[in-house]
Amino acid sequence: MNHWIVEAVCTGTARPFNGAETSAIAKRPREGAVQVLKDGLAPDEQADRRVHGGPEMALHLYPLDHHDWWRGEIGGHPALDEPGGFGSNLAVTGLLEGHVHIGDRFRLGTALIEVSQPRQPCWKIEHRFGHKGMVAKIIETSRCGWYFRVIETGEVAAGDLIERVSIGAIDWSVARVFQALVAGKATPEEYAELADLASLTPRLREKAAAKRR
């Protein structure tokens, strides 16, 4: 299967989250067409631009399939009923980390986007859901989601297709890259491959290069 339905397009604003901390992890569905720009959807915010947003992490997709799995792990939570509950911009079912490769390109509405890196989980997920241990579970299971860069700007709306138009690094699924660079389960040879993988974000290529030495 090479195409899936975008069930919701979600954006958010930075809001008080934990004391002085702010976060835009709570993304809400938008109605109608939304612009897809080089830095992401317009408008959409990221509270900490060091680790979210920008051209290399313009759009985030966290598979809707994982919401049901999390219900089995942590029970019901209102955010699990929200398509953007994990900070995802795109709500899609059936497209998973093991099926998607670094450098895969997708037609999203009228935009063209490319898979750039897995999402590295942080404490904000556990704070949002009020459950410790979620980050460890993500690392264990590779239920991480991923980011896209925008190759061609355009528009997307709920109900549009996300269609894979080319496959990138066939040997490097999002799940495998996540296990290598976040879980730390890789050989020196694999780190060397990742350091030379042009479609992987520069920050993670540098991380791989440091590990191969």
Protein backbone atom coordinates (compact mmCIF):
# COMPACT_ATOMS: atom_id res chain seq x y z
CA MET A 1 0.00 0.00 0.00
CA ASN A 2 1.38 3.38 -0.99
CA HIS A 3 -1.33 5.80 0.10
CA TRP A 4 -3.19 6.53 3.31
CA ILE A 5 -5.85 9.02 4.40
CA VAL A 6 -4.95 12.04 6.51
CA GLU A 7 -7.67 11.83 9.14
CA ALA A 8 -6.79 15.16 10.75
CA VAL A 9 -4.32 18.02 10.31
CA CYS A 10 -3.29 19.36 13.71
CA THR A 11 -1.53 22.47 14.94
CA GLY A 12 -0.89 23.99 18.35
CA THR A 13 0.32 26.98 20.28
CA ALA A 14 2.85 27.10 23.11
CA ARG A 15 1.02 27.08 26.45
CA PRO A 16 2.00 26.79 30.13
CA PHE A 17 2.89 23.17 30.75
CA ASN A 18 5.02 22.59 33.84
CA GLY A 19 5.83 25.58 36.00
CA ALA A 20 7.84 27.97 33.86
CA GLU A 21 7.99 25.45 31.01
CA THR A 22 5.76 25.86 27.97
CA SER A 23 4.84 23.30 25.35
CA ALA A 24 2.83 23.01 22.15
CA ILE A 25 2.52 19.22 22.40
CA ALA A 26 -1.28 19.46 22.46
CA LYS A 27 -2.14 19.76 18.76
CA ARG A 28 -5.76 20.39 17.73
CA PRO A 29 -7.45 19.49 14.42
CA ARG A 30 -7.83 22.26 11.86
CA GLU A 31 -10.69 22.75 9.46
CA GLY A 32 -10.11 23.35 5.77
CA ALA A 33 -6.82 23.65 3.91
CA VAL A 34 -3.66 24.32 5.91
CA GLN A 35 -0.49 25.70 4.36
CA VAL A 36 2.55 23.41 4.38
CA LEU A 37 5.62 25.65 4.46
CA LYS A 38 9.36 24.91 4.75
CA ASP A 39 9.18 25.30 8.54
CA GLY A 40 5.93 23.33 8.84
CA LEU A 41 2.23 24.03 9.00
CA ALA A 42 1.01 27.61 9.14
CA PRO A 43 0.28 28.44 11.84
CA ASP A 44 1.92 25.95 14.20
CA GLU A 45 4.24 26.53 17.15
CA GLN A 46 7.02 24.67 18.94
CA ALA A 47 8.00 25.87 22.39
CA ASP A 48 11.61 24.64 22.24
CA ARG A 49 13.04 25.12 18.76
CA ARG A 50 16.29 23.44 19.75
CA VAL A 51 14.61 20.03 19.62
CA HIS A 52 11.39 20.57 17.64
CA GLY A 53 10.49 22.41 14.47
CA GLY A 54 12.61 24.05 11.80
CA PRO A 55 13.20 22.79 8.25
CA GLU A 56 14.58 19.39 9.32
CA MET A 57 11.66 18.68 11.67
CA ALA A 58 8.91 20.58 9.92
CA LEU A 59 6.08 18.05 10.34
CA HIS A 60 5.58 15.34 12.94
CA LEU A 61 3.60 12.14 12.44
CA TYR A 62 2.79 9.87 15.38
CA PRO A 63 0.76 6.88 14.12
CA LEU A 64 -2.82 6.76 15.34
CA ASP A 65 -2.41 2.98 15.63
CA HIS A 66 -0.29 3.52 18.74
CA HIS A 67 -3.10 5.26 20.63
CA ASP A 68 -4.94 1.95 21.12
CA TRP A 69 -1.71 0.25 22.20
CA TRP A 70 -1.15 2.94 24.80
CA ARG A 71 -4.68 2.44 26.16
CA GLY A 72 -3.64 -1.11 26.96
CA GLU A 73 -0.52 0.17 28.70
CA ILE A 74 -1.74 3.18 30.68
CA GLY A 75 -5.53 2.95 30.50
CA GLY A 76 -7.85 5.65 29.24
CA HIS A 77 -6.64 9.22 28.97
CA PRO A 78 -8.39 12.15 27.22
CA ALA A 79 -5.30 12.88 25.09
CA LEU A 80 -5.52 9.39 23.57
CA ASP A 81 -8.83 10.46 22.03
CA GLU A 82 -7.15 13.43 20.34
CA PRO A 83 -5.55 12.87 16.92
CA GLY A 84 -2.71 15.20 17.88
CA GLY A 85 -2.39 13.92 21.42
CA PHE A 86 1.33 13.10 21.09
CA GLY A 87 2.15 16.34 19.30
CA SER A 88 1.44 14.87 15.87
CA ASN A 89 0.63 17.24 13.01
CA LEU A 90 -0.77 14.44 10.85
CA ALA A 91 -3.26 11.83 12.02
CA VAL A 92 -2.78 8.70 9.92
CA THR A 93 -3.65 5.03 10.50
CA GLY A 94 -1.68 2.14 9.03
CA LEU A 95 1.63 3.91 8.41
CA LEU A 96 4.20 2.71 10.96
CA GLU A 97 7.86 3.13 11.85
CA GLY A 98 8.82 -0.23 10.35
CA HIS A 99 7.18 0.65 7.01
CA VAL A 100 8.79 4.07 6.54
CA HIS A 101 12.41 4.75 5.61
CA ILE A 102 14.69 7.75 5.94
CA GLY A 103 14.41 9.67 2.66
CA ASP A 104 11.00 8.29 1.67
CA ARG A 105 9.03 10.98 -0.14
CA PHE A 106 5.29 11.49 0.17
CA ARG A 107 2.81 13.67 -1.66
CA LEU A 108 0.80 15.32 1.12
CA GLY A 109 -2.13 17.17 -0.40
CA THR A 110 -0.30 19.40 -2.87
CA ALA A 111 2.98 19.43 -0.89
CA LEU A 112 5.94 17.06 -1.21
CA ILE A 113 7.58 15.94 2.03
CA GLU A 114 10.50 13.66 2.95
CA VAL A 115 11.15 11.53 6.04
CA SER A 116 14.10 13.08 7.87
CA GLN A 117 14.47 11.38 11.28
CA PRO A 118 12.72 9.51 14.11
CA ARG A 119 11.31 11.52 16.98
CA GLN A 120 13.29 11.22 20.17
CA PRO A 121 10.91 11.06 23.17
CA CYS A 122 11.32 13.36 26.14
CA TRP A 123 9.86 13.90 29.60
CA LYS A 124 7.03 16.05 28.24
CA ILE A 125 5.21 12.94 27.00
CA GLU A 126 5.19 11.47 30.51
CA HIS A 127 4.11 14.80 32.01
CA ARG A 128 1.28 15.18 29.50
CA PHE A 129 -0.10 11.72 30.22
CA GLY A 130 0.79 11.60 33.90
CA HIS A 131 2.57 8.24 33.59
CA LYS A 132 6.19 7.43 34.32
CA GLY A 133 7.94 4.90 32.13
CA MET A 134 6.44 5.94 28.80
CA VAL A 135 9.77 7.09 27.39
CA ALA A 136 11.34 3.74 28.27
CA LYS A 137 8.45 1.94 26.55
CA ILE A 138 8.89 4.04 23.43
CA ILE A 139 12.60 3.21 23.35
CA GLU A 140 11.84 -0.49 23.91
CA THR A 141 9.16 -0.74 21.20
CA SER A 142 10.24 1.95 18.67
CA ARG A 143 6.78 3.53 18.84
CA CYS A 144 8.45 6.87 18.31
CA GLY A 145 6.87 8.59 15.31
CA TRP A 146 9.01 10.61 12.92
CA TYR A 147 9.62 13.96 11.27
CA PHE A 148 9.42 15.21 7.70
CA ARG A 149 11.19 18.02 5.90
CA VAL A 150 9.24 19.89 3.21
CA ILE A 151 10.59 19.56 -0.33
CA GLU A 152 7.75 21.42 -2.08
CA THR A 153 5.35 23.70 -0.24
CA GLY A 154 1.60 23.33 -0.71
CA GLU A 155 -1.62 22.73 1.19
CA VAL A 156 -3.25 19.82 2.99
CA ALA A 157 -6.65 19.23 4.57
CA ALA A 158 -8.26 16.40 6.50
CA GLY A 159 -9.44 13.78 4.04
CA ASP A 160 -6.51 14.28 1.65
CA LEU A 161 -4.14 11.47 0.85
CA ILE A 162 -0.58 11.02 1.96
CA GLU A 163 0.93 9.00 -0.89
CA ARG A 164 4.43 7.55 -0.99
CA VAL A 165 5.99 8.51 -4.31
CA SER A 166 9.54 7.23 -3.77
CA ILE A 167 11.46 5.07 -1.30
CA GLY A 168 14.62 6.39 0.28
CA ALA A 169 17.15 4.32 2.24
CA ILE A 170 15.45 0.92 1.98
CA ASP A 171 17.76 -0.60 4.62
CA TRP A 172 17.08 2.16 7.14
CA SER A 173 13.52 2.19 8.40
CA VAL A 174 12.58 4.78 11.00
CA ALA A 175 12.41 1.96 13.56
CA ARG A 176 15.93 0.76 12.77
CA VAL A 177 17.41 4.26 12.90
CA PHE A 178 15.65 4.85 16.21
CA GLN A 179 17.08 1.66 17.68
CA ALA A 180 20.55 2.59 16.44
CA LEU A 181 20.71 6.23 17.50
CA VAL A 182 18.29 6.47 20.44
CA ALA A 183 18.40 2.97 21.93
CA GLY A 184 22.11 2.75 21.07
CA LYS A 185 21.87 -0.68 19.45
CA ALA A 186 24.20 -0.42 16.46
CA THR A 187 27.60 -1.64 15.31
CA PRO A 188 30.42 0.72 14.30
CA GLU A 189 29.69 -0.20 10.69
CA GLU A 190 26.04 0.80 11.09
CA TYR A 191 27.01 4.10 12.68
CA ALA A 192 29.31 4.72 9.73
CA GLU A 193 26.44 4.07 7.31
CA LEU A 194 24.20 6.50 9.17
CA ALA A 195 26.91 9.16 9.27
CA ASP A 196 27.00 9.00 5.46
CA LEU A 197 23.21 8.87 4.96
CA ALA A 198 22.55 12.17 3.20
CA SER A 199 18.78 12.19 3.80
CA LEU A 200 19.18 11.82 7.59
CA THR A 201 19.16 15.13 9.48
CA PRO A 202 22.62 16.66 9.98
CA ARG A 203 22.29 16.52 13.77
CA LEU A 204 21.78 12.75 13.76
CA ARG A 205 24.48 12.22 11.14
CA GLU A 206 26.87 14.02 13.47
CA LYS A 207 25.73 11.85 16.36
CA ALA A 208 26.38 8.72 14.28
CA ALA A 209 29.78 10.00 13.22
CA ALA A 210 30.75 10.56 16.85
CA LYS A 211 29.72 7.02 17.78
CA ARG A 212 31.64 5.31 15.00
CA ARG A 213 34.96 6.69 16.23
